[in-house]
Amino acid sequence: MSIKKITWLGLRLAMGFIFLWAFIDKLFGLGFATTSKNAWLNGGSPTSGFLTNATHGPLAEFFKELAGIPTVDWLFMLGLLGVGVTLLFNKFVTWGAMAGSVMLLLMYLAVLPPANNPLIDDHIVYIFVLVLLALRNQENR
């Protein structure tokens, strides 16, 4: 296997693990981003922490109103799981990349402008990575 193929594989697996790990941590509250008492399985809301505390900027009130809504929680968690699984198992990568890009764009808009740069943050970089993975997937069909 060439270095190029190993790099693409590593990038796809890393992005898949980022999404799947967020799902697992929010589901079980492993103490990384989510405490056990705030775990989804313990009645916590996987969206309320971010949407209540991290949002700022012109769209902050819109996103704060979404915090803790069960439908939003379900969509968010299904999105994390779906994107993670599609990337890790290399199935429906284009769909997973599109869903992940939408999720990341919404998170970016919730914190607009980003804290450490007036335009670009990790959400935008991850969107570009997902687009590259989707394009690569289309080329390999």
C-alpha atoms as a PDB file:
ATOM      1  CA  MET A   1       0.000   0.000   0.000  1.00  0.00           C
ATOM      2  CA  SER A   2       1.394   3.389  -0.971  1.00  0.00           C
ATOM      3  CA  ILE A   3       1.954   6.330   1.364  1.00  0.00           C
ATOM      4  CA  LYS A   4      -0.819   8.185  -0.489  1.00  0.00           C
ATOM      5  CA  LYS A   5      -3.351   5.398   0.173  1.00  0.00           C
ATOM      6  CA  ILE A   6      -2.261   5.098   3.799  1.00  0.00           C
ATOM      7  CA  THR A   7      -2.685   8.855   4.241  1.00  0.00           C
ATOM      8  CA  TRP A   8      -6.195   8.827   2.742  1.00  0.00           C
ATOM      9  CA  LEU A   9      -7.111   5.818   4.888  1.00  0.00           C
ATOM     10  CA  GLY A  10      -5.747   7.495   8.011  1.00  0.00           C
ATOM     11  CA  LEU A  11      -7.595  10.716   7.262  1.00  0.00           C
ATOM     12  CA  ARG A  12     -10.899   8.910   6.719  1.00  0.00           C
ATOM     13  CA  LEU A  13     -10.499   6.817   9.871  1.00  0.00           C
ATOM     14  CA  ALA A  14      -9.447   9.826  11.956  1.00  0.00           C
ATOM     15  CA  MET A  15     -12.468  11.860  10.864  1.00  0.00           C
ATOM     16  CA  GLY A  16     -14.751   8.888  11.442  1.00  0.00           C
ATOM     17  CA  PHE A  17     -13.360   8.405  14.931  1.00  0.00           C
ATOM     18  CA  ILE A  18     -13.826  12.106  15.762  1.00  0.00           C
ATOM     19  CA  PHE A  19     -17.551  11.842  15.031  1.00  0.00           C
ATOM     20  CA  LEU A  20     -18.014   8.392  16.575  1.00  0.00           C
ATOM     21  CA  TRP A  21     -16.102   9.377  19.706  1.00  0.00           C
ATOM     22  CA  ALA A  22     -18.304  12.454  20.172  1.00  0.00           C
ATOM     23  CA  PHE A  23     -21.343  10.169  19.914  1.00  0.00           C
ATOM     24  CA  ILE A  24     -19.976   7.648  22.427  1.00  0.00           C
ATOM     25  CA  ASP A  25     -18.861  10.299  24.923  1.00  0.00           C
ATOM     26  CA  LYS A  26     -22.218  12.106  24.792  1.00  0.00           C
ATOM     27  CA  LEU A  27     -24.139   8.829  25.017  1.00  0.00           C
ATOM     28  CA  PHE A  28     -22.294   7.390  28.022  1.00  0.00           C
ATOM     29  CA  GLY A  29     -20.711  10.492  29.594  1.00  0.00           C
ATOM     30  CA  LEU A  30     -17.176   9.146  29.736  1.00  0.00           C
ATOM     31  CA  GLY A  31     -15.869  12.349  31.318  1.00  0.00           C
ATOM     32  CA  PHE A  32     -14.111  13.865  28.329  1.00  0.00           C
ATOM     33  CA  ALA A  33     -16.536  16.429  26.872  1.00  0.00           C
ATOM     34  CA  THR A  34     -19.518  15.020  28.778  1.00  0.00           C
ATOM     35  CA  THR A  35     -19.727  14.036  32.434  1.00  0.00           C
ATOM     36  CA  SER A  36     -21.524  10.879  33.495  1.00  0.00           C
ATOM     37  CA  LYS A  37     -24.410  12.813  35.046  1.00  0.00           C
ATOM     38  CA  ASN A  38     -24.933  14.695  31.739  1.00  0.00           C
ATOM     39  CA  ALA A  39     -24.824  11.552  29.570  1.00  0.00           C
ATOM     40  CA  TRP A  40     -27.693  11.106  27.170  1.00  0.00           C
ATOM     41  CA  LEU A  41     -28.434   7.704  28.728  1.00  0.00           C
ATOM     42  CA  ASN A  42     -28.730   9.425  32.115  1.00  0.00           C
ATOM     43  CA  GLY A  43     -31.258  11.948  30.842  1.00  0.00           C
ATOM     44  CA  GLY A  44     -28.835  14.656  29.784  1.00  0.00           C
ATOM     45  CA  SER A  45     -29.126  16.606  26.564  1.00  0.00           C
ATOM     46  CA  PRO A  46     -26.224  16.177  24.141  1.00  0.00           C
ATOM     47  CA  THR A  47     -26.882  19.615  22.634  1.00  0.00           C
ATOM     48  CA  SER A  48     -27.645  21.773  25.646  1.00  0.00           C
ATOM     49  CA  GLY A  49     -24.076  22.325  26.877  1.00  0.00           C
ATOM     50  CA  PHE A  50     -22.730  23.630  23.585  1.00  0.00           C
ATOM     51  CA  LEU A  51     -25.838  25.477  22.483  1.00  0.00           C
ATOM     52  CA  THR A  52     -26.383  27.119  25.862  1.00  0.00           C
ATOM     53  CA  ASN A  53     -22.801  28.025  26.775  1.00  0.00           C
ATOM     54  CA  ALA A  54     -20.654  28.198  23.647  1.00  0.00           C
ATOM     55  CA  THR A  55     -22.880  30.076  21.229  1.00  0.00           C
ATOM     56  CA  HIS A  56     -22.280  33.743  20.554  1.00  0.00           C
ATOM     57  CA  GLY A  57     -22.587  36.197  17.721  1.00  0.00           C
ATOM     58  CA  PRO A  58     -25.495  37.197  15.522  1.00  0.00           C
ATOM     59  CA  LEU A  59     -27.189  33.768  15.507  1.00  0.00           C
ATOM     60  CA  ALA A  60     -26.648  32.945  19.184  1.00  0.00           C
ATOM     61  CA  GLU A  61     -30.259  33.388  20.280  1.00  0.00           C
ATOM     62  CA  PHE A  62     -31.522  31.116  17.510  1.00  0.00           C
ATOM     63  CA  PHE A  63     -29.114  28.345  18.514  1.00  0.00           C
ATOM     64  CA  LYS A  64     -29.728  28.805  22.261  1.00  0.00           C
ATOM     65  CA  GLU A  65     -33.443  28.209  21.649  1.00  0.00           C
ATOM     66  CA  LEU A  66     -32.603  24.810  20.110  1.00  0.00           C
ATOM     67  CA  ALA A  67     -30.770  23.631  23.239  1.00  0.00           C
ATOM     68  CA  GLY A  68     -32.309  20.592  24.876  1.00  0.00           C
ATOM     69  CA  ILE A  69     -35.083  20.029  22.336  1.00  0.00           C
ATOM     70  CA  PRO A  70     -35.446  16.222  22.065  1.00  0.00           C
ATOM     71  CA  THR A  71     -35.771  16.258  18.262  1.00  0.00           C
ATOM     72  CA  VAL A  72     -32.581  18.323  17.970  1.00  0.00           C
ATOM     73  CA  ASP A  73     -30.808  15.952  20.379  1.00  0.00           C
ATOM     74  CA  TRP A  74     -31.885  12.907  18.342  1.00  0.00           C
ATOM     75  CA  LEU A  75     -30.872  14.473  15.023  1.00  0.00           C
ATOM     76  CA  PHE A  76     -27.510  15.507  16.437  1.00  0.00           C
ATOM     77  CA  MET A  77     -26.759  12.090  17.914  1.00  0.00           C
ATOM     78  CA  LEU A  78     -27.925  10.211  14.826  1.00  0.00           C
ATOM     79  CA  GLY A  79     -25.778  12.547  12.751  1.00  0.00           C
ATOM     80  CA  LEU A  80     -22.682  11.905  14.859  1.00  0.00           C
ATOM     81  CA  LEU A  81     -23.248   8.156  14.737  1.00  0.00           C
ATOM     82  CA  GLY A  82     -24.067   8.109  11.026  1.00  0.00           C
ATOM     83  CA  VAL A  83     -21.086  10.179   9.957  1.00  0.00           C
ATOM     84  CA  GLY A  84     -18.729   8.203  12.164  1.00  0.00           C
ATOM     85  CA  VAL A  85     -19.950   4.823  10.921  1.00  0.00           C
ATOM     86  CA  THR A  86     -19.960   5.794   7.225  1.00  0.00           C
ATOM     87  CA  LEU A  87     -16.379   7.005   7.416  1.00  0.00           C
ATOM     88  CA  LEU A  88     -15.039   4.152   9.555  1.00  0.00           C
ATOM     89  CA  PHE A  89     -16.633   1.430   7.434  1.00  0.00           C
ATOM     90  CA  ASN A  90     -16.092   3.192   4.084  1.00  0.00           C
ATOM     91  CA  LYS A  91     -19.763   2.842   3.116  1.00  0.00           C
ATOM     92  CA  PHE A  92     -21.890   5.763   1.928  1.00  0.00           C
ATOM     93  CA  VAL A  93     -18.915   8.065   2.518  1.00  0.00           C
ATOM     94  CA  THR A  94     -20.333  10.815   0.307  1.00  0.00           C
ATOM     95  CA  TRP A  95     -23.590  10.893   2.290  1.00  0.00           C
ATOM     96  CA  GLY A  96     -21.723  10.843   5.578  1.00  0.00           C
ATOM     97  CA  ALA A  97     -19.395  13.616   4.449  1.00  0.00           C
ATOM     98  CA  MET A  98     -22.333  15.764   3.349  1.00  0.00           C
ATOM     99  CA  ALA A  99     -24.163  15.221   6.654  1.00  0.00           C
ATOM    100  CA  GLY A 100     -21.003  15.916   8.631  1.00  0.00           C
ATOM    101  CA  SER A 101     -20.359  19.082   6.643  1.00  0.00           C
ATOM    102  CA  VAL A 102     -23.860  20.369   7.387  1.00  0.00           C
ATOM    103  CA  MET A 103     -23.427  19.598  11.095  1.00  0.00           C
ATOM    104  CA  LEU A 104     -20.061  21.338  11.187  1.00  0.00           C
ATOM    105  CA  LEU A 105     -21.381  24.356   9.292  1.00  0.00           C
ATOM    106  CA  LEU A 106     -24.204  24.730  11.809  1.00  0.00           C
ATOM    107  CA  MET A 107     -21.732  24.498  14.702  1.00  0.00           C
ATOM    108  CA  TYR A 108     -19.544  27.099  12.993  1.00  0.00           C
ATOM    109  CA  LEU A 109     -22.505  29.445  12.582  1.00  0.00           C
ATOM    110  CA  ALA A 110     -23.334  29.006  16.273  1.00  0.00           C
ATOM    111  CA  VAL A 111     -19.945  30.448  17.274  1.00  0.00           C
ATOM    112  CA  LEU A 112     -19.567  33.027  14.526  1.00  0.00           C
ATOM    113  CA  PRO A 113     -17.161  34.778  14.652  1.00  0.00           C
ATOM    114  CA  PRO A 114     -14.732  32.116  15.891  1.00  0.00           C
ATOM    115  CA  ALA A 115     -12.812  32.867  19.076  1.00  0.00           C
ATOM    116  CA  ASN A 116      -9.241  32.572  17.783  1.00  0.00           C
ATOM    117  CA  ASN A 117      -9.516  33.728  14.166  1.00  0.00           C
ATOM    118  CA  PRO A 118     -11.918  36.157  12.519  1.00  0.00           C
ATOM    119  CA  LEU A 119     -12.957  33.661   9.806  1.00  0.00           C
ATOM    120  CA  ILE A 120     -11.551  30.150  10.045  1.00  0.00           C
ATOM    121  CA  ASP A 121     -11.708  27.563  12.807  1.00  0.00           C
ATOM    122  CA  ASP A 122     -11.541  23.783  13.076  1.00  0.00           C
ATOM    123  CA  HIS A 123     -15.139  23.383  11.867  1.00  0.00           C
ATOM    124  CA  ILE A 124     -14.233  24.886   8.484  1.00  0.00           C
ATOM    125  CA  VAL A 125     -11.050  22.817   8.206  1.00  0.00           C
ATOM    126  CA  TYR A 126     -13.019  19.642   8.973  1.00  0.00           C
ATOM    127  CA  ILE A 127     -15.573  20.580   6.318  1.00  0.00           C
ATOM    128  CA  PHE A 128     -12.779  20.803   3.743  1.00  0.00           C
ATOM    129  CA  VAL A 129     -11.443  17.411   4.883  1.00  0.00           C
ATOM    130  CA  LEU A 130     -14.908  15.848   4.540  1.00  0.00           C
ATOM    131  CA  VAL A 131     -15.332  17.355   1.072  1.00  0.00           C
ATOM    132  CA  LEU A 132     -11.964  15.911   0.046  1.00  0.00           C
ATOM    133  CA  LEU A 133     -12.974  12.492   1.378  1.00  0.00           C
ATOM    134  CA  ALA A 134     -16.265  12.648  -0.526  1.00  0.00           C
ATOM    135  CA  LEU A 135     -14.493  13.657  -3.743  1.00  0.00           C
ATOM    136  CA  ARG A 136     -11.941  10.889  -3.274  1.00  0.00           C
ATOM    137  CA  ASN A 137     -14.777   8.416  -2.724  1.00  0.00           C
ATOM    138  CA  GLN A 138     -16.450   9.540  -5.960  1.00  0.00           C
ATOM    139  CA  GLU A 139     -13.169   9.133  -7.884  1.00  0.00           C
ATOM    140  CA  ASN A 140     -12.724   5.576  -6.630  1.00  0.00           C
ATOM    141  CA  ARG A 141     -16.131   4.374  -7.823  1.00  0.00           C
END
